[in-house]
């Protein structure tokens, strides 16, 4: 299942996967001319997927930082906001993963 695959990765695993996507992106850019890069849907999808994973990672870091003691109301609110954003970026990443799996690079 696509949803559980990303969620089951550790933070380090997500980071490693994002690095792999970045390398594929660079390889794709090397294969295409500047003009082709502007209209290539596969390249655009790789970039968007990589960025969504990066934003999700940022939210994870914020959530974990503010989850640590001491627990003030402000920290709990920030943790809640980071969790919501992290879930949104996860859903976005999952959509990109689905698209990514359907294309050939």
Protein backbone atom coordinates (compact mmCIF):
# COMPACT_ATOMS: atom_id res chain seq x y z
CA UNK A 1 0.00 0.00 0.00
CA UNK A 2 1.39 3.39 -1.01
CA UNK A 3 0.19 5.22 2.13
CA UNK A 4 1.91 2.95 4.61
CA UNK A 5 5.14 2.76 2.59
CA UNK A 6 6.13 6.39 3.18
CA UNK A 7 4.80 6.41 6.73
CA UNK A 8 6.79 3.31 7.64
CA UNK A 9 10.10 4.85 6.61
CA UNK A 10 12.23 6.21 9.40
CA UNK A 11 13.23 9.86 9.30
CA UNK A 12 16.63 8.77 7.99
CA UNK A 13 14.92 6.53 5.40
CA UNK A 14 12.77 9.40 4.16
CA UNK A 15 15.84 11.59 3.90
CA UNK A 16 17.73 8.91 1.96
CA UNK A 17 14.79 8.40 -0.40
CA UNK A 18 14.62 12.16 -0.98
CA UNK A 19 18.34 12.18 -1.82
CA UNK A 20 17.74 9.40 -4.37
CA UNK A 21 14.92 11.43 -5.94
CA UNK A 22 17.25 14.42 -6.16
CA UNK A 23 19.83 12.33 -8.02
CA UNK A 24 17.17 11.07 -10.44
CA UNK A 25 16.11 14.66 -10.95
CA UNK A 26 19.67 15.71 -11.79
CA UNK A 27 20.03 12.79 -14.20
CA UNK A 28 16.76 13.74 -15.87
CA UNK A 29 17.95 17.35 -16.19
CA UNK A 30 21.17 16.14 -17.83
CA UNK A 31 19.18 14.21 -20.42
CA UNK A 32 16.98 17.15 -21.40
CA UNK A 33 17.72 20.46 -23.05
CA UNK A 34 16.72 23.62 -21.19
CA UNK A 35 13.68 23.93 -23.42
CA UNK A 36 12.64 20.33 -22.81
CA UNK A 37 13.10 20.78 -19.06
CA UNK A 38 10.44 23.50 -18.97
CA UNK A 39 7.75 21.18 -20.36
CA UNK A 40 8.82 17.75 -19.10
CA UNK A 41 6.10 16.35 -16.84
CA UNK A 42 8.34 13.66 -15.39
CA UNK A 43 10.92 16.22 -14.29
CA UNK A 44 8.21 18.43 -12.83
CA UNK A 45 6.83 15.44 -10.91
CA UNK A 46 10.26 14.55 -9.53
CA UNK A 47 10.80 18.12 -8.35
CA UNK A 48 7.37 18.35 -6.71
CA UNK A 49 7.78 14.95 -5.04
CA UNK A 50 11.22 15.87 -3.72
CA UNK A 51 9.94 19.21 -2.40
CA UNK A 52 6.90 17.62 -0.71
CA UNK A 53 9.15 15.13 1.08
CA UNK A 54 11.42 17.98 2.17
CA UNK A 55 8.53 19.99 3.60
CA UNK A 56 7.27 16.91 5.39
CA UNK A 57 10.74 16.41 6.89
CA UNK A 58 10.79 20.02 8.08
CA UNK A 59 7.46 19.52 9.85
CA UNK A 60 8.73 16.31 11.44
CA UNK A 61 11.77 18.10 12.84
CA UNK A 62 9.65 20.94 14.25
CA UNK A 63 7.14 18.50 15.74
CA UNK A 64 9.83 16.41 17.41
CA UNK A 65 11.67 19.46 18.72
CA UNK A 66 8.57 20.99 20.29
CA UNK A 67 7.36 17.60 21.61
CA UNK A 68 10.29 17.43 23.99
CA UNK A 69 9.95 18.79 27.54
CA UNK A 70 9.12 21.32 28.88
CA UNK A 71 5.52 21.18 27.66
CA UNK A 72 4.02 24.65 27.61
CA UNK A 73 0.74 25.57 25.92
CA UNK A 74 2.67 27.34 23.17
CA UNK A 75 4.86 24.28 22.52
CA UNK A 76 1.80 22.01 22.43
CA UNK A 77 0.12 24.33 19.93
CA UNK A 78 3.22 24.38 17.71
CA UNK A 79 3.45 20.59 17.94
CA UNK A 80 -0.18 20.29 16.85
CA UNK A 81 0.31 22.68 13.94
CA UNK A 82 3.45 20.85 12.81
CA UNK A 83 1.60 17.53 12.99
CA UNK A 84 -1.23 18.86 10.81
CA UNK A 85 1.20 20.25 8.24
CA UNK A 86 3.23 17.04 8.30
CA UNK A 87 0.08 15.04 7.51
CA UNK A 88 -0.79 17.38 4.63
CA UNK A 89 2.69 17.05 3.14
CA UNK A 90 2.51 13.26 3.63
CA UNK A 91 -0.73 13.10 1.63
CA UNK A 92 0.83 15.28 -1.06
CA UNK A 93 3.92 13.05 -1.11
CA UNK A 94 1.73 9.97 -1.43
CA UNK A 95 -0.03 11.49 -4.46
CA UNK A 96 3.34 12.24 -6.04
CA UNK A 97 4.52 8.72 -5.28
CA UNK A 98 1.46 7.30 -7.03
CA UNK A 99 2.17 9.46 -10.09
CA UNK A 100 5.86 8.63 -9.91
CA UNK A 101 5.15 4.89 -9.95
CA UNK A 102 3.02 5.28 -13.09
CA UNK A 103 5.68 7.11 -15.14
CA UNK A 104 8.88 5.89 -16.67
CA UNK A 105 12.00 7.86 -15.93
